[in-house]
Protein backbone atom coordinates (compact mmCIF):
# COMPACT_ATOMS: atom_id res chain seq x y z
CA MET A 1 0.00 0.00 0.00
CA ARG A 2 1.27 3.47 -0.87
CA ASN A 3 1.27 6.20 1.79
CA LEU A 4 0.10 9.73 1.17
CA THR A 5 2.79 12.35 1.61
CA LYS A 6 3.14 16.08 1.17
CA ILE A 7 5.31 17.45 -1.59
CA GLY A 8 7.26 19.54 0.92
CA GLY A 9 10.35 18.23 2.60
CA ALA A 10 10.29 18.51 6.34
CA ALA A 11 6.95 16.93 7.08
CA ALA A 12 7.35 13.90 4.87
CA ILE A 13 9.94 11.74 6.61
CA ALA A 14 9.23 9.06 3.99
CA ALA A 15 11.13 11.09 1.42
CA ALA A 16 14.81 10.65 0.62
CA LEU A 17 16.97 13.28 -1.11
CA THR A 18 20.12 13.96 -3.04
CA LEU A 19 22.12 17.12 -3.74
CA THR A 20 25.55 18.68 -3.88
CA ALA A 21 26.72 21.56 -1.71
CA CYS A 22 24.83 24.81 -1.85
CA GLY A 23 23.89 27.55 0.56
CA GLY A 24 26.19 28.93 3.19
CA GLY A 25 29.34 27.02 2.40
CA GLY A 26 28.82 23.93 4.54
CA THR A 27 30.64 20.74 3.58
CA PRO A 28 28.09 18.06 2.76
CA THR A 29 28.73 14.41 3.42
CA GLY A 30 27.30 11.29 1.86
CA PRO A 31 26.54 10.57 -1.79
CA GLU A 32 27.21 13.37 -4.24
CA THR A 33 24.46 12.34 -6.64
CA ALA A 34 23.01 15.32 -8.49
CA LYS A 35 20.76 13.52 -10.95
CA GLY A 36 17.82 11.18 -10.74
CA GLN A 37 19.03 7.67 -11.38
CA GLY A 38 18.03 5.68 -14.45
CA ALA A 39 17.59 1.95 -15.01
CA GLY A 40 20.64 -0.13 -14.14
CA SER A 41 22.21 2.54 -11.93
CA ASP A 42 24.13 1.86 -8.73
CA LEU A 43 21.51 2.23 -6.02
CA ALA A 44 24.24 2.37 -3.36
CA LYS A 45 24.71 5.99 -4.45
CA LEU A 46 21.24 6.73 -3.10
CA ILE A 47 21.81 5.53 0.48
CA SER A 48 23.39 7.47 3.34
CA ILE A 49 22.74 6.27 6.90
CA ASN A 50 26.15 6.32 8.68
CA GLU A 51 25.88 2.56 9.12
CA LYS A 52 27.44 1.15 12.31
CA PRO A 53 27.05 -2.16 14.16
CA ALA A 54 25.29 -2.04 17.52
CA ALA A 55 28.58 -2.91 19.26
CA ASP A 56 29.98 0.48 18.21
CA LEU A 57 27.08 2.39 19.75
CA GLN A 58 26.66 3.85 23.22
CA PRO A 59 24.04 1.86 25.17
CA GLY A 60 21.02 3.99 26.01
CA GLY A 61 20.50 7.55 24.89
CA LYS A 62 17.61 9.46 23.42
CA VAL A 63 16.65 10.47 19.88
CA THR A 64 14.04 13.13 19.09
CA LEU A 65 12.55 13.36 15.60
CA PRO A 66 9.92 15.63 14.02
CA LEU A 67 6.68 14.82 12.26
CA GLY A 68 4.44 17.16 10.32
CA SER A 69 1.38 15.59 11.91
CA ILE A 70 0.61 13.19 14.75
CA GLY A 71 -2.81 11.60 14.36
CA PRO A 72 -5.61 12.23 14.81
CA ASP A 73 -6.36 8.82 13.24
CA PHE A 74 -3.68 6.26 14.08
CA ASN A 75 -5.05 3.41 11.94
CA GLY A 76 -2.66 3.19 9.01
CA PHE A 77 -4.91 0.73 7.17
CA SER A 78 -7.68 3.34 6.85
CA ASN A 79 -7.90 6.24 4.43
CA ASN A 80 -7.77 8.80 7.24
CA GLY A 81 -4.67 7.19 8.75
CA ASN A 82 -2.84 6.51 5.48
CA SER A 83 0.08 8.93 5.66
CA SER A 84 3.85 8.68 5.67
CA ASP A 85 3.96 10.46 9.05
CA ASN A 86 1.71 7.83 10.58
CA SER A 87 3.84 5.01 9.17
CA ALA A 88 6.99 6.66 10.50
CA LEU A 89 5.44 6.96 13.95
CA MET A 90 4.28 3.35 14.00
CA ALA A 91 7.47 1.76 12.68
CA PRO A 92 9.25 1.42 16.07
CA ILE A 93 6.17 0.51 18.14
CA ASN A 94 3.98 -1.47 15.77
CA PRO A 95 5.95 -2.99 12.87
CA VAL A 96 3.48 -5.88 12.90
CA ALA A 97 0.93 -3.49 11.37
CA VAL A 98 2.97 -0.88 9.48
CA THR A 99 1.39 -0.58 6.04
CA GLY A 100 4.18 1.17 4.17
CA GLY A 101 7.94 1.32 4.09
CA GLY A 102 10.56 -1.33 4.63
CA ILE A 103 8.90 -3.53 7.21
CA GLY A 104 5.40 -4.69 8.02
CA GLY A 105 3.83 -7.89 9.25
CA CYS A 106 5.30 -10.93 7.51
CA TRP A 107 7.73 -9.00 5.36
CA LYS A 108 10.80 -6.78 5.29
CA VAL A 109 12.41 -4.98 2.35
CA ASP A 110 16.09 -4.26 1.74
CA PHE A 111 17.53 -1.06 0.26
CA ALA A 112 17.13 -2.26 -3.33
CA GLY A 113 13.56 -3.49 -2.88
CA LYS A 114 14.12 -7.22 -2.38
CA VAL A 115 11.45 -8.65 -0.06
CA THR A 116 12.05 -11.50 2.41
CA PRO A 117 10.11 -12.84 5.42
CA ASN A 118 10.38 -10.80 8.61
CA LYS A 119 11.29 -13.59 11.01
CA ASP A 120 10.24 -11.62 14.08
CA PHE A 121 6.70 -12.41 12.93
CA CYS A 122 6.80 -14.96 10.08
CA GLU A 123 9.68 -17.43 10.08
CA SER A 124 8.88 -18.74 6.61
CA VAL A 125 6.40 -18.18 3.76
CA ASP A 126 6.08 -20.88 1.09
CA SER A 127 3.89 -20.65 -2.01
CA LYS A 128 2.87 -23.46 -4.35
CA VAL A 129 0.54 -23.41 -7.36
CA VAL A 130 -1.17 -26.64 -8.43
CA ASP A 131 -3.81 -26.71 -11.19
CA GLY A 132 -4.18 -22.96 -11.07
CA LYS A 133 -4.78 -22.92 -7.31
CA GLN A 134 -2.26 -21.33 -4.97
CA THR A 135 -1.53 -22.46 -1.43
CA ILE A 136 0.59 -20.25 0.82
CA THR A 137 1.93 -21.77 4.03
CA ILE A 138 3.10 -19.34 6.72
CA LYS A 139 5.04 -20.43 9.79
CA VAL A 140 4.43 -17.78 12.46
CA ASN A 141 7.11 -17.12 15.08
CA ASP A 142 6.11 -19.02 18.24
CA LYS A 143 7.05 -15.98 20.37
CA ALA A 144 5.06 -13.46 18.32
CA THR A 145 2.50 -11.85 20.62
CA PHE A 146 0.65 -8.55 20.82
CA ASN A 147 1.30 -6.32 23.83
CA ASP A 148 -1.97 -7.41 25.48
CA GLY A 149 -0.87 -11.06 25.40
CA THR A 150 -2.95 -12.07 22.39
CA PRO A 151 -0.91 -14.49 20.26
CA ILE A 152 -0.18 -13.52 16.69
CA ASP A 153 -1.60 -16.60 14.99
CA VAL A 154 -4.20 -17.77 12.51
CA LYS A 155 -6.90 -15.56 14.07
CA THR A 156 -4.78 -12.49 13.31
CA PHE A 157 -4.42 -13.53 9.67
CA GLN A 158 -8.12 -14.33 9.35
CA ASN A 159 -9.07 -10.95 10.79
CA THR A 160 -6.67 -9.13 8.47
CA TRP A 161 -8.15 -10.92 5.45
CA ASN A 162 -11.75 -10.36 6.52
CA ILE A 163 -11.18 -6.61 6.88
CA LEU A 164 -9.08 -6.02 3.78
CA LYS A 165 -10.71 -8.34 1.24
CA SER A 166 -13.44 -5.94 0.14
CA PRO A 167 -14.36 -2.26 0.42
CA ASP A 168 -18.02 -3.30 0.54
CA ALA A 169 -17.92 -4.64 4.11
CA GLY A 170 -18.05 -1.17 5.69
CA TYR A 171 -14.36 -0.87 6.50
CA ASP A 172 -12.77 2.34 5.20
CA ILE A 173 -9.78 0.54 3.68
CA VAL A 174 -7.34 2.10 1.26
CA SER A 175 -7.29 -0.88 -1.09
CA SER A 176 -8.22 -4.56 -1.03
CA GLY A 177 -5.05 -5.42 -2.94
CA GLY A 178 -4.67 -9.16 -3.45
CA TYR A 179 -6.95 -10.05 -0.55
CA GLU A 180 -10.04 -10.21 -2.77
CA PHE A 181 -8.48 -13.27 -4.43
CA VAL A 182 -7.98 -15.15 -1.15
CA GLU A 183 -10.43 -18.00 -0.76
CA SER A 184 -9.65 -19.19 2.76
CA VAL A 185 -7.33 -18.69 5.72
CA GLU A 186 -7.13 -21.70 8.03
CA ALA A 187 -4.89 -23.21 10.69
CA GLY A 188 -2.50 -25.95 9.66
CA SER A 189 -0.83 -28.27 12.18
CA SER A 190 -1.29 -25.57 14.84
CA ALA A 191 -2.61 -22.03 15.22
CA LYS A 192 0.92 -20.83 14.43
CA GLU A 193 0.83 -22.46 11.00
CA VAL A 194 -1.39 -20.49 8.59
CA ILE A 195 -2.65 -22.02 5.35
CA VAL A 196 -3.87 -19.50 2.78
CA LYS A 197 -5.65 -20.66 -0.36
CA THR A 198 -6.47 -18.35 -3.25
CA LYS A 199 -9.09 -18.30 -6.02
CA GLN A 200 -6.32 -17.40 -8.46
CA PRO A 201 -2.56 -17.07 -7.94
CA VAL A 202 -1.53 -13.81 -6.26
CA TYR A 203 1.79 -12.15 -7.08
CA PRO A 204 3.95 -10.89 -5.61
CA VAL A 205 3.20 -13.09 -2.61
CA ASP A 206 4.45 -10.30 -0.32
CA SER A 207 1.42 -8.22 -1.32
CA LEU A 208 -0.46 -10.33 1.25
CA PHE A 209 -0.03 -9.79 5.00
CA PHE A 210 2.34 -6.84 4.67
CA GLY A 211 0.82 -5.59 7.90
CA LEU A 212 -1.41 -7.55 10.30
CA ILE A 213 -4.47 -6.38 12.24
CA HIS A 214 -5.17 -7.35 15.86
CA PRO A 215 -8.20 -9.69 16.19
CA ALA A 216 -9.92 -7.19 18.52
CA VAL A 217 -10.23 -4.73 15.62
CA ASN A 218 -13.17 -6.65 14.22
CA THR A 219 -15.99 -4.20 13.42
CA PRO A 220 -16.24 -1.28 11.00
CA GLN A 221 -16.88 1.05 13.95
CA ILE A 222 -13.65 0.09 15.71
CA PHE A 223 -11.66 0.14 12.46
CA ASN A 224 -13.08 3.44 11.14
CA GLU A 225 -13.46 5.40 14.39
CA GLY A 226 -11.69 3.58 17.21
CA PHE A 227 -8.20 4.94 16.49
CA THR A 228 -9.13 8.61 16.41
CA GLY A 229 -7.16 10.15 19.26
CA ASN A 230 -6.40 6.67 20.61
CA MET A 231 -3.23 4.80 19.66
CA HIS A 232 -4.30 1.51 21.32
CA PRO A 233 -0.80 0.39 22.39
CA GLU A 234 -2.28 -2.85 23.73
CA TRP A 235 -2.94 -3.93 20.13
CA MET A 236 0.65 -3.28 19.03
CA ALA A 237 3.86 -5.31 18.89
CA GLY A 238 7.38 -3.96 18.35
CA PRO A 239 10.80 -3.20 19.86
CA PHE A 240 9.50 -0.01 21.51
CA LYS A 241 6.27 0.67 23.34
CA LEU A 242 4.25 3.80 23.99
CA ASP A 243 5.35 5.62 27.12
CA LYS A 244 3.19 8.75 26.72
CA TYR A 245 1.00 10.36 24.09
CA ASP A 246 0.48 14.03 24.93
CA ALA A 247 -2.12 15.37 22.50
CA ALA A 248 -1.85 18.89 23.93
CA ALA A 249 1.94 19.05 23.63
CA LYS A 250 1.77 17.12 20.34
CA THR A 251 4.43 14.63 21.39
CA VAL A 252 4.75 10.85 21.54
CA SER A 253 7.34 9.29 23.83
CA LEU A 254 8.57 5.71 23.43
CA VAL A 255 10.67 3.35 25.57
CA PRO A 256 11.98 -0.18 24.93
CA ASN A 257 9.26 -2.81 25.02
CA ASP A 258 9.95 -5.36 27.78
CA LYS A 259 7.62 -7.79 25.99
CA TRP A 260 9.57 -7.71 22.72
CA TRP A 261 11.10 -11.07 21.79
CA GLY A 262 13.32 -9.75 18.99
CA THR A 263 16.58 -7.82 19.08
CA LYS A 264 16.54 -5.26 21.89
CA PRO A 265 16.98 -1.62 20.85
CA VAL A 266 20.10 0.37 21.73
CA LEU A 267 18.23 3.54 22.69
CA GLU A 268 16.40 4.05 25.97
CA SER A 269 14.04 6.69 24.61
CA VAL A 270 12.55 7.95 21.33
CA VAL A 271 10.42 11.11 21.11
CA PHE A 272 8.36 12.30 18.14
CA ARG A 273 7.27 15.95 18.04
CA GLN A 274 4.65 17.46 15.76
CA LEU A 275 6.19 20.62 14.30
CA GLU A 276 5.54 22.91 11.37
CA THR A 277 8.50 23.27 9.02
CA SER A 278 9.70 26.59 10.43
CA ALA A 279 9.52 25.19 13.96
CA GLN A 280 11.56 22.17 12.90
CA VAL A 281 14.33 24.46 11.68
CA ALA A 282 14.49 26.30 14.99
CA ALA A 283 14.34 23.05 16.95
CA PHE A 284 17.18 21.46 14.97
CA LYS A 285 19.41 24.52 15.25
CA ASN A 286 18.75 24.64 19.00
CA GLY A 287 19.60 20.96 19.45
CA GLU A 288 16.02 19.97 20.35
CA ILE A 289 15.60 17.45 17.53
CA ASP A 290 18.21 15.17 15.98
CA GLY A 291 17.25 15.08 12.32
CA MET A 292 14.99 16.69 9.75
CA SER A 293 14.45 16.74 6.02
CA ALA A 294 15.56 19.83 4.11
CA ASN A 295 14.32 19.22 0.62
CA THR A 296 14.22 22.84 -0.54
CA ILE A 297 16.84 25.54 -0.91
CA ALA A 298 15.16 27.71 1.73
CA LEU A 299 15.46 24.97 4.34
CA TYR A 300 18.96 24.01 3.26
CA LYS A 301 20.24 27.57 3.63
CA GLN A 302 18.64 27.94 7.05
CA LEU A 303 20.21 24.72 8.33
CA ASP A 304 23.58 24.87 6.56
CA GLY A 305 26.36 25.40 9.05
CA THR A 306 24.38 24.25 12.09
CA LYS A 307 26.74 23.17 14.84
CA ASP A 308 27.20 19.41 15.35
CA SER A 309 25.31 18.44 12.20
CA GLU A 310 25.93 16.77 8.86
CA VAL A 311 24.06 16.23 5.60
CA ARG A 312 22.94 12.84 4.28
CA ARG A 313 21.43 12.35 0.85
CA GLY A 314 19.59 9.80 -1.27
CA GLN A 315 16.68 9.30 -3.69
CA ARG A 316 13.24 10.38 -2.59
CA LEU A 317 10.65 7.61 -2.86
CA PHE A 318 7.90 9.96 -3.99
CA ALA A 319 5.72 10.59 -7.03
CA GLY A 320 3.18 13.35 -7.33
CA GLY A 321 2.65 17.06 -7.41
CA MET A 322 -0.92 17.58 -8.59
CA ASN A 323 -3.35 15.26 -6.79
CA ILE A 324 -6.80 15.98 -8.26
CA ASN A 325 -10.02 15.20 -6.42
CA ALA A 326 -12.24 14.06 -9.29
CA LYS A 327 -15.30 14.01 -7.04
CA LYS A 328 -15.04 17.80 -6.84
CA ILE A 329 -13.55 18.56 -10.25
CA THR A 330 -15.97 16.27 -12.01
CA ASP A 331 -15.55 17.32 -15.65
CA VAL A 332 -12.83 15.20 -17.26
CA ALA A 333 -12.24 18.02 -19.78
CA VAL A 334 -11.19 20.36 -16.96
CA ARG A 335 -8.88 17.72 -15.53
CA LYS A 336 -7.35 17.11 -18.97
CA ALA A 337 -6.88 20.86 -19.40
CA MET A 338 -5.04 20.93 -16.07
CA PHE A 339 -2.63 18.27 -17.32
CA ALA A 340 -2.16 20.25 -20.53
CA ALA A 341 -1.61 23.58 -18.76
CA VAL A 342 1.13 22.32 -16.48
CA ASP A 343 4.75 23.02 -17.40
CA ARG A 344 6.36 20.26 -15.37
CA ASP A 345 9.91 21.31 -16.18
CA ALA A 346 9.25 24.84 -14.87
CA LEU A 347 7.68 23.44 -11.71
CA ARG A 348 10.67 21.21 -11.05
CA LYS A 349 13.02 24.16 -11.51
CA VAL A 350 11.10 26.03 -8.81
CA ARG A 351 11.04 23.02 -6.52
CA PHE A 352 14.71 22.08 -6.95
CA ASN A 353 16.08 25.60 -7.29
CA GLY A 354 19.59 25.75 -5.85
CA LEU A 355 19.78 22.04 -5.06
CA ASN A 356 21.82 21.07 -8.13
CA TRP A 357 19.36 18.27 -8.87
CA GLU A 358 18.22 17.16 -12.31
CA GLU A 359 15.68 14.55 -13.31
CA PRO A 360 13.65 13.70 -16.41
CA SER A 361 9.93 14.37 -16.48
CA SER A 362 8.38 11.87 -14.12
CA GLY A 363 5.70 9.92 -15.95
CA SER A 364 4.43 7.37 -13.46
CA MET A 365 2.85 7.39 -10.02
CA MET A 366 3.90 3.79 -9.43
CA LEU A 367 7.61 3.37 -10.21
CA LEU A 368 10.75 5.50 -10.20
CA PRO A 369 12.82 6.00 -13.38
CA PHE A 370 15.61 3.77 -12.05
CA SER A 371 13.25 0.79 -12.05
CA ALA A 372 13.76 -1.67 -14.89
CA TYR A 373 9.95 -1.72 -15.24
CA TYR A 374 9.44 2.05 -15.52
CA GLN A 375 7.73 3.73 -18.48
CA ASP A 376 6.60 7.33 -19.02
CA ASN A 377 2.79 7.31 -18.94
CA TYR A 378 2.07 11.05 -18.85
CA PRO A 379 -0.99 11.35 -21.13
CA VAL A 380 -0.61 14.82 -22.65
CA LYS A 381 1.97 15.64 -25.30
CA GLU A 382 0.85 19.13 -26.34
CA THR A 383 1.17 21.42 -23.33
CA GLY A 384 0.92 25.12 -22.52
CA PRO A 385 -1.86 27.72 -22.08
CA ASP A 386 -3.13 27.43 -25.66
CA ALA A 387 -3.21 23.63 -25.46
CA ALA A 388 -5.22 23.81 -22.23
CA LYS A 389 -7.69 26.31 -23.67
CA LYS A 390 -8.11 24.15 -26.78
CA VAL A 391 -9.05 21.16 -24.61
CA LEU A 392 -11.72 23.27 -22.93
CA THR A 393 -12.91 24.84 -26.18
CA ASP A 394 -13.28 21.42 -27.77
CA ALA A 395 -15.40 20.43 -24.75
CA GLY A 396 -17.78 23.37 -25.26
CA TYR A 397 -16.19 25.97 -22.96
CA THR A 398 -15.90 29.62 -23.96
CA ALA A 399 -14.10 32.52 -22.33
CA ASN A 400 -16.25 34.88 -20.22
CA ALA A 401 -15.65 38.61 -19.75
CA ALA A 402 -12.93 37.88 -17.19
CA GLY A 403 -11.16 35.48 -19.53
CA ILE A 404 -12.20 32.41 -17.53
CA MET A 405 -13.34 29.41 -19.54
CA GLU A 406 -16.90 28.45 -18.65
CA LYS A 407 -19.65 26.14 -19.85
CA GLY A 408 -23.36 26.59 -19.20
CA GLY A 409 -22.52 29.47 -16.85
CA ASN A 410 -20.17 27.27 -14.79
CA PRO A 411 -16.54 28.44 -14.80
CA ALA A 412 -13.57 26.09 -14.62
CA ALA A 413 -12.82 27.13 -11.03
CA PHE A 414 -11.14 25.40 -8.08
CA LYS A 415 -8.52 25.81 -5.35
CA ILE A 416 -5.12 24.22 -4.72
CA SER A 417 -4.51 23.09 -1.13
CA ASN A 418 -0.98 23.87 0.06
CA PHE A 419 0.27 22.42 3.34
CA GLY A 420 2.85 23.88 5.71
CA ASP A 421 4.90 27.05 5.76
CA ASP A 422 7.93 26.21 3.62
CA PRO A 423 8.46 29.10 1.15
CA THR A 424 9.71 26.87 -1.68
CA THR A 425 6.66 24.64 -1.47
CA LEU A 426 4.44 27.73 -1.55
CA ALA A 427 6.37 29.04 -4.57
CA PHE A 428 5.73 25.71 -6.30
CA THR A 429 2.00 26.03 -5.55
CA GLN A 430 1.90 29.63 -6.76
CA THR A 431 3.69 28.69 -9.99
CA LEU A 432 1.22 25.86 -10.53
CA GLN A 433 -1.61 28.33 -9.89
CA LYS A 434 -0.29 30.76 -12.51
CA GLN A 435 0.13 28.01 -15.10
CA LEU A 436 -3.45 26.87 -14.61
CA GLN A 437 -4.73 30.44 -14.68
CA ALA A 438 -2.91 31.02 -17.97
CA GLY A 439 -4.86 28.04 -19.31
CA GLY A 440 -8.14 29.85 -18.67
CA MET A 441 -9.01 28.48 -15.23
CA ASP A 442 -10.00 30.39 -12.09
CA VAL A 443 -7.60 29.03 -9.46
CA GLY A 444 -7.14 30.03 -5.82
CA ILE A 445 -4.90 28.73 -3.03
CA ASP A 446 -6.27 27.03 0.07
CA GLN A 447 -3.49 27.34 2.66
CA ARG A 448 -3.45 24.66 5.38
CA ALA A 449 -1.19 23.73 8.28
CA SER A 450 1.03 20.64 7.98
CA ALA A 451 -0.86 19.11 10.88
CA ASP A 452 -4.07 19.17 8.81
CA PHE A 453 -2.65 17.11 5.98
CA GLY A 454 -3.90 13.66 6.98
CA LYS A 455 -7.37 14.88 7.89
CA VAL A 456 -7.85 17.04 4.80
CA VAL A 457 -6.54 14.60 2.22
CA GLY A 458 -7.89 11.50 3.96
CA SER A 459 -11.41 12.96 4.07
CA ARG A 460 -11.07 14.32 0.49
CA ASP A 461 -11.73 17.89 1.64
CA PHE A 462 -9.82 19.50 -1.24
CA ASP A 463 -10.05 20.22 -4.97
CA VAL A 464 -6.37 19.78 -5.83
CA SER A 465 -3.66 19.08 -3.29
CA VAL A 466 0.07 19.57 -3.66
CA SER A 467 0.88 16.03 -2.58
CA GLY A 468 1.62 12.54 -3.79
CA TYR A 469 2.43 9.01 -2.65
CA THR A 470 5.41 6.95 -1.64
CA VAL A 471 6.78 4.69 -4.36
CA GLY A 472 7.62 1.01 -3.97
CA PRO A 473 9.71 -1.44 -6.01
CA ASP A 474 6.69 -3.20 -7.58
CA ALA A 475 3.61 -1.67 -9.25
CA THR A 476 1.11 -4.46 -8.52
CA ASP A 477 -0.41 -3.04 -5.35
CA ALA A 478 -0.21 0.55 -6.56
CA VAL A 479 -2.13 -0.08 -9.78
CA LYS A 480 -5.07 -1.39 -7.80
CA GLN A 481 -4.93 1.34 -5.17
CA TYR A 482 -4.82 4.14 -7.76
CA TYR A 483 -6.75 2.85 -10.76
CA ASP A 484 -9.31 0.19 -9.79
CA SER A 485 -12.76 1.80 -9.93
CA LYS A 486 -13.88 -0.08 -6.82
CA THR A 487 -11.01 1.07 -4.61
CA ASP A 488 -9.42 4.25 -5.95
CA LEU A 489 -10.44 7.33 -3.98
CA ASN A 490 -11.76 9.13 -7.06
CA GLY A 491 -14.03 6.27 -8.06
CA LEU A 492 -12.69 6.51 -11.60
CA GLY A 493 -12.25 3.57 -13.92
CA ASP A 494 -14.29 1.03 -15.83
CA ALA A 495 -15.02 -2.69 -16.01
CA GLU A 496 -12.44 -3.26 -18.75
CA LEU A 497 -9.59 -1.73 -16.73
CA ASP A 498 -10.75 -3.45 -13.54
CA LYS A 499 -10.60 -6.78 -15.36
CA LYS A 500 -7.04 -6.09 -16.53
CA ILE A 501 -6.00 -5.16 -12.97
CA ALA A 502 -7.53 -8.35 -11.57
CA ALA A 503 -5.79 -10.46 -14.22
CA LEU A 504 -2.31 -8.99 -13.81
CA ALA A 505 -2.16 -9.96 -10.13
CA SER A 506 -1.87 -13.60 -11.20
CA ILE A 507 1.16 -13.05 -13.48
CA GLU A 508 4.17 -14.65 -11.79
CA ASP A 509 6.89 -13.10 -13.97
CA ASN A 510 7.87 -9.78 -12.38
CA ALA A 511 8.69 -8.00 -15.63
CA GLU A 512 5.52 -9.16 -17.39
CA ARG A 513 3.30 -8.27 -14.41
CA ASN A 514 4.80 -4.81 -13.98
CA LYS A 515 4.51 -4.14 -17.73
CA ALA A 516 0.82 -5.00 -17.51
CA ALA A 517 0.43 -2.67 -14.53
CA MET A 518 2.19 0.18 -16.31
CA ASP A 519 -0.01 -0.29 -19.38
CA VAL A 520 -3.11 0.00 -17.16
CA GLU A 521 -1.77 3.24 -15.72
CA LYS A 522 -1.11 4.62 -19.19
CA GLU A 523 -4.67 3.82 -20.30
CA HIS A 524 -6.26 5.14 -17.09
CA MET A 525 -4.33 8.42 -17.21
CA ALA A 526 -5.36 8.98 -20.83
CA LYS A 527 -9.05 8.42 -20.01
CA TYR A 528 -9.51 9.99 -16.59
CA PHE A 529 -6.71 12.49 -15.79
CA SER A 530 -6.71 12.36 -11.99
CA MET A 531 -3.11 11.98 -10.80
CA GLY A 532 -0.87 14.66 -12.25
CA VAL A 533 2.63 13.40 -11.58
CA VAL A 534 5.14 16.25 -11.79
CA MET A 535 8.24 15.09 -9.94
CA ASN A 536 10.09 12.56 -7.81
CA GLY A 537 12.94 14.59 -6.38
CA PRO A 538 15.92 14.43 -4.08
CA GLN A 539 16.05 14.62 -0.32
CA ILE A 540 18.51 16.21 2.04
CA SER A 541 18.54 15.04 5.64
CA PHE A 542 20.27 17.20 8.22
CA VAL A 543 21.35 14.89 11.03
CA ARG A 544 22.98 15.42 14.41
CA THR A 545 26.65 14.37 14.26
CA GLY A 546 27.20 10.95 15.79
CA LEU A 547 23.76 9.55 15.06
CA ALA A 548 24.20 6.14 13.44
CA ASN A 549 21.91 4.10 11.20
CA TYR A 550 19.68 7.01 10.23
CA GLY A 551 19.13 8.68 6.88
CA PRO A 552 17.94 8.06 3.30
CA SER A 553 17.35 4.32 3.10
CA LEU A 554 15.56 3.78 -0.22
CA PHE A 555 12.98 1.00 0.08
CA GLN A 556 14.14 -0.21 3.49
CA SER A 557 12.52 2.51 5.56
CA LEU A 558 9.87 5.24 5.41
CA SER A 559 11.15 6.72 8.66
CA GLN A 560 14.81 6.83 7.53
CA VAL A 561 15.56 4.24 10.22
CA PRO A 562 16.43 0.91 8.52
CA ASP A 563 16.46 -0.96 11.85
CA TRP A 564 15.06 0.58 15.03
CA SER A 565 17.12 -1.81 17.16
CA THR A 566 20.39 -0.28 15.86
CA LEU A 567 19.44 3.41 15.86
CA GLY A 568 21.74 5.13 18.33
CA TRP A 569 24.78 7.25 19.11
CA ILE A 570 28.38 6.35 18.28
CA LYS A 571 30.58 5.79 21.33
CA LYS A 572 32.76 8.77 22.13
């Protein structure tokens, strides 16, 4: 499942960045990549975490990290809780249920995107296909237990399947993924052996049970409403546990979990603080937080030269820029005109100004250009103000006295929601606004706080948002989440495309399956025009000197922490 994330840098910990030195003369460390990577590139250039073994770290210590938003809905499986900030928060305390990033439930992902069983929860996962029927056998770790003592066993897997298999059961799920093709989930030789049988083969197998749901979360009311303002630590399992959630102070404090059976963490305390971008800058410079993203030149210049800090860089796992709510902008001609009006190159120049970063026009929401499966699916070739106005004219729009294109007395009018107070992100939004206005549309800006991001986008309370989604190594889950008419948030699609999406999930060959997914995206974009991908981008992480195993981690971590048990401070 792909997590929603803002286009701005500081609030979206899921992002990873790359750049060369700029600003006030600081000496950057880490990879010197200044271009988006293409297929076959060395992905090691895109990782910078100051990797150290636990034996080289000081036992104990505290790390404080910022988030753009904390809550209010802590259920990452739901639309309201589906954000990169929420996944980052849950990674150390609830990896059994994390729905995005490098670890979740039965699975863990390495830097390059290779997926293997997460033996803290699932010791082995075996799949066999006989006569077109697939049987998946999962051996659950005997020690795996939720914090309240409930064993993680077949009941957990059954509950996860029952909730996620269909959006029609009343659960506000993001996507049913491959769960709709599961026929049964039963116990094998014991409750710790799970036998999954499918109606048709499901690939990749790791699309199933990447995140598990506690058996007590078993009604739509609990799932949809029970996590609002309530983290439910008793239903979690991970190396850390909740010490205190202070909604007024907007902080979450964590300590090592004495019930954790896996590797014990080095740190004795982790604190997350909800901070707007400008407040993060002040907090980092004052030594109050130990890392933050600085993905724009304004942030970089403010942080450059900060005492006891260094810069780490890598590729940002992000695609987006113009997220259109088709339930508010209902005319496909207006949405197509928006695609035509956008000058993506100009927008990237605003966004990456001063960062010495170059990348080709991003043409997919699902894969990054360095993927061997990537293809450019952007649906409009003729762009610019005249091209946009022609789209509207051909659809029956004419210019009114103010120069706004309208049809039947209804102008092509909407607002762009911008989140946070970063000046570069605002400049991006203003440039986008001017491009759309030049195409004959009446466009305003709806300014929101970073803390409102999850609520606004999750509840679809926007016309267009400057946001996007995290990007994974495989397009199979993403194509269903974004483009299946039954599950995508815009409700766009058709029976023919839905059939293609259902069929591709049973293709075992990775290249063939991803090609089929990319072809669906190309067709959907050309028909419905809802996800205006503009950029991927770099990320710069400013990090307190001496912090080990933290930074841009590619597919291994949304929170920039590849392994929470080894996050810590180098011995002095």
